[in-house]
Protein backbone atom coordinates (compact mmCIF):
# COMPACT_ATOMS: atom_id res chain seq x y z
CA MET A 1 0.00 0.00 0.00
CA SER A 2 1.35 3.40 -0.89
CA GLU A 3 2.20 5.93 1.80
CA LYS A 4 -0.28 8.42 0.31
CA LYS A 5 -3.07 5.85 0.48
CA LYS A 6 -2.24 5.14 4.14
CA PHE A 7 -2.48 8.84 4.96
CA MET A 8 -5.81 9.18 3.17
CA GLU A 9 -7.15 6.10 4.93
CA GLU A 10 -6.18 7.72 8.24
CA ALA A 11 -7.99 10.97 7.32
CA ILE A 12 -11.12 9.01 6.38
CA LYS A 13 -10.84 6.96 9.59
CA LEU A 14 -10.68 10.19 11.62
CA ALA A 15 -13.83 11.41 9.84
CA ALA A 16 -15.71 8.20 10.64
CA GLU A 17 -14.59 8.18 14.29
CA ASN A 18 -15.58 11.82 14.69
CA MET A 19 -19.01 11.19 13.22
CA ASN A 20 -19.54 8.21 15.53
CA LYS A 21 -18.56 10.29 18.57
CA SER A 22 -20.92 13.10 17.50
CA ASN A 23 -18.12 15.67 17.93
CA GLY A 24 -18.97 17.42 14.66
CA GLY A 25 -19.27 16.77 10.98
CA PRO A 26 -17.88 13.68 9.23
CA PHE A 27 -14.56 15.23 8.26
CA GLY A 28 -10.93 14.38 9.02
CA ALA A 29 -7.60 15.78 7.89
CA LEU A 30 -3.85 15.22 8.30
CA VAL A 31 -0.86 17.44 7.64
CA VAL A 32 2.24 15.48 6.66
CA LYS A 33 5.85 16.63 6.41
CA ASP A 34 8.67 14.38 5.23
CA GLY A 35 6.43 11.32 5.52
CA LYS A 36 5.47 12.05 9.14
CA ILE A 37 2.06 13.19 10.41
CA ILE A 38 2.56 16.54 12.16
CA GLY A 39 -1.08 17.56 12.48
CA ARG A 40 -4.41 15.77 12.82
CA GLY A 41 -7.83 17.33 12.77
CA VAL A 42 -11.49 16.49 12.88
CA ASN A 43 -14.48 18.74 12.48
CA CYS A 44 -15.48 19.98 15.93
CA VAL A 45 -17.73 22.89 14.98
CA THR A 46 -20.68 21.72 17.05
CA SER A 47 -18.72 20.37 20.02
CA THR A 48 -16.73 23.60 20.44
CA ASN A 49 -19.27 26.10 19.05
CA ASP A 50 -16.50 27.32 16.76
CA PRO A 51 -17.61 27.76 13.15
CA THR A 52 -13.96 27.74 12.03
CA ALA A 53 -13.14 24.38 13.66
CA HIS A 54 -13.15 22.41 10.42
CA ALA A 55 -10.88 19.37 10.19
CA GLU A 56 -8.37 21.07 7.90
CA ILE A 57 -8.12 24.16 10.12
CA VAL A 58 -7.64 22.03 13.24
CA ALA A 59 -4.95 19.95 11.49
CA ILE A 60 -3.16 23.07 10.22
CA ARG A 61 -3.18 24.63 13.71
CA GLU A 62 -1.71 21.45 15.21
CA ALA A 63 0.92 21.16 12.47
CA ALA A 64 2.00 24.78 12.91
CA LYS A 65 2.38 24.20 16.66
CA THR A 66 4.28 20.97 16.08
CA ILE A 67 6.93 22.60 13.90
CA ASN A 68 6.67 25.99 15.62
CA SER A 69 6.06 27.85 12.36
CA PHE A 70 3.19 29.47 10.51
CA ASN A 71 4.84 28.45 7.24
CA LEU A 72 3.97 24.87 6.26
CA GLU A 73 5.97 24.78 3.04
CA GLY A 74 7.11 21.25 2.33
CA CYS A 75 3.89 19.82 3.78
CA GLU A 76 0.98 17.94 2.29
CA ILE A 77 -2.59 17.86 3.56
CA TYR A 78 -4.90 14.87 3.29
CA ALA A 79 -8.60 15.64 3.71
CA SER A 80 -11.49 13.21 3.79
CA CYS A 81 -13.41 15.66 1.60
CA GLU A 82 -12.66 18.48 -0.80
CA PRO A 83 -12.04 21.56 1.37
CA CYS A 84 -14.60 24.33 1.74
CA PRO A 85 -13.64 27.88 0.72
CA MET A 86 -12.43 28.77 4.23
CA CYS A 87 -10.24 25.69 4.51
CA LEU A 88 -8.90 26.09 1.00
CA GLY A 89 -7.92 29.66 1.87
CA ALA A 90 -6.19 28.44 5.03
CA ILE A 91 -4.29 25.82 3.03
CA TYR A 92 -3.02 28.56 0.73
CA TRP A 93 -2.16 30.87 3.65
CA ALA A 94 -0.22 28.03 5.32
CA ARG A 95 1.71 27.53 2.07
CA ILE A 96 1.04 23.80 2.02
CA ASP A 97 2.52 22.29 -1.13
CA LYS A 98 -0.02 19.61 -2.00
CA LEU A 99 -3.66 18.80 -1.26
CA TYR A 100 -5.12 15.31 -1.47
CA TYR A 101 -8.84 14.82 -0.87
CA ALA A 102 -11.31 11.94 -1.04
CA GLY A 103 -14.95 13.10 -1.24
CA THR A 104 -15.97 15.96 -3.51
CA GLN A 105 -17.95 19.17 -3.01
CA ASP A 106 -20.93 17.40 -4.57
CA ASP A 107 -20.62 14.46 -2.18
CA ALA A 108 -20.62 16.87 0.76
CA ALA A 109 -23.61 18.77 -0.64
CA LYS A 110 -25.63 15.53 -0.78
CA ALA A 111 -24.98 15.19 2.97
CA ASN A 112 -26.19 18.78 3.55
CA PHE A 113 -22.71 20.33 3.67
CA ASP A 114 -23.24 22.56 0.65
CA ASP A 115 -20.66 25.28 0.06
CA SER A 116 -21.88 26.20 -3.42
CA ALA A 117 -23.59 29.40 -2.21
CA ILE A 118 -20.31 30.62 -0.73
CA TYR A 119 -18.39 29.88 -3.91
CA LYS A 120 -21.02 31.79 -5.92
CA GLU A 121 -20.90 34.75 -3.52
CA PHE A 122 -17.14 35.11 -4.00
CA CYS A 123 -17.65 35.63 -7.72
CA LEU A 124 -20.17 38.44 -7.26
CA PRO A 125 -19.27 42.13 -6.98
CA LYS A 126 -19.29 43.20 -3.30
CA GLU A 127 -22.48 45.22 -3.72
CA LYS A 128 -24.38 42.14 -4.97
CA ARG A 129 -23.37 39.77 -2.18
CA GLN A 130 -25.77 38.69 0.54
CA LEU A 131 -23.37 39.89 3.21
CA GLN A 132 -23.74 43.64 3.38
CA SER A 133 -20.35 45.28 3.71
CA THR A 134 -19.48 48.94 4.17
CA GLN A 135 -16.00 50.30 3.78
CA MET A 136 -15.16 53.05 6.27
CA MET A 137 -12.24 54.84 7.96
CA ARG A 138 -9.76 53.81 5.24
CA GLU A 139 -7.34 56.62 6.03
CA ASP A 140 -6.93 55.39 9.61
CA ALA A 141 -6.33 51.84 8.45
CA VAL A 142 -3.80 52.92 5.81
CA LYS A 143 -1.74 54.66 8.52
CA ILE A 144 -1.28 51.28 10.22
CA PHE A 145 -0.21 49.68 6.94
CA ASP A 146 2.27 52.51 6.41
CA GLU A 147 3.70 51.86 9.89
CA TRP A 148 3.94 48.16 9.06
CA ILE A 149 5.88 48.96 5.88
CA ARG A 150 8.39 51.03 7.89
CA ASN A 151 8.64 48.54 10.78
CA GLU A 152 12.10 46.99 10.57
CA SER A 153 11.36 44.35 13.22
CA LYS A 154 8.28 42.88 11.51
CA ILE A 155 8.06 39.20 10.70
CA PRO A 156 6.77 39.06 7.13
CA TYR A 157 4.42 36.33 6.12
């Protein structure tokens, strides 16, 4: 059995165990670096009342702690299902090199985990989105960015 298949089997096993424990949705994820699991995660949205506690986010947080870095270059993530928009964004922000997933968006939608509305919203102009947003106090915010640019002790990411 290939190493990649073993990792995916583990992610799917985490999803099944989580579902059976009623901790949250049926999702599991692993972050792997150099053939070693450095982060595991399951969906614990309902058990923690944290809407961001998706399996991929939990696994990324654990992996970052494990290697003491916010930069997960050189890592792979194995997810029991195709990541939602939030998780996909987190995977990019973490700089993970490769994503492997089992179930698809459509499979998740059939189980009432439908992210299609969010994907559609992202493509709309801001003024046509369901989430009303108002830009304000830009000048004040830009001052902070200007300070950041000049800050010689910043840690870029």
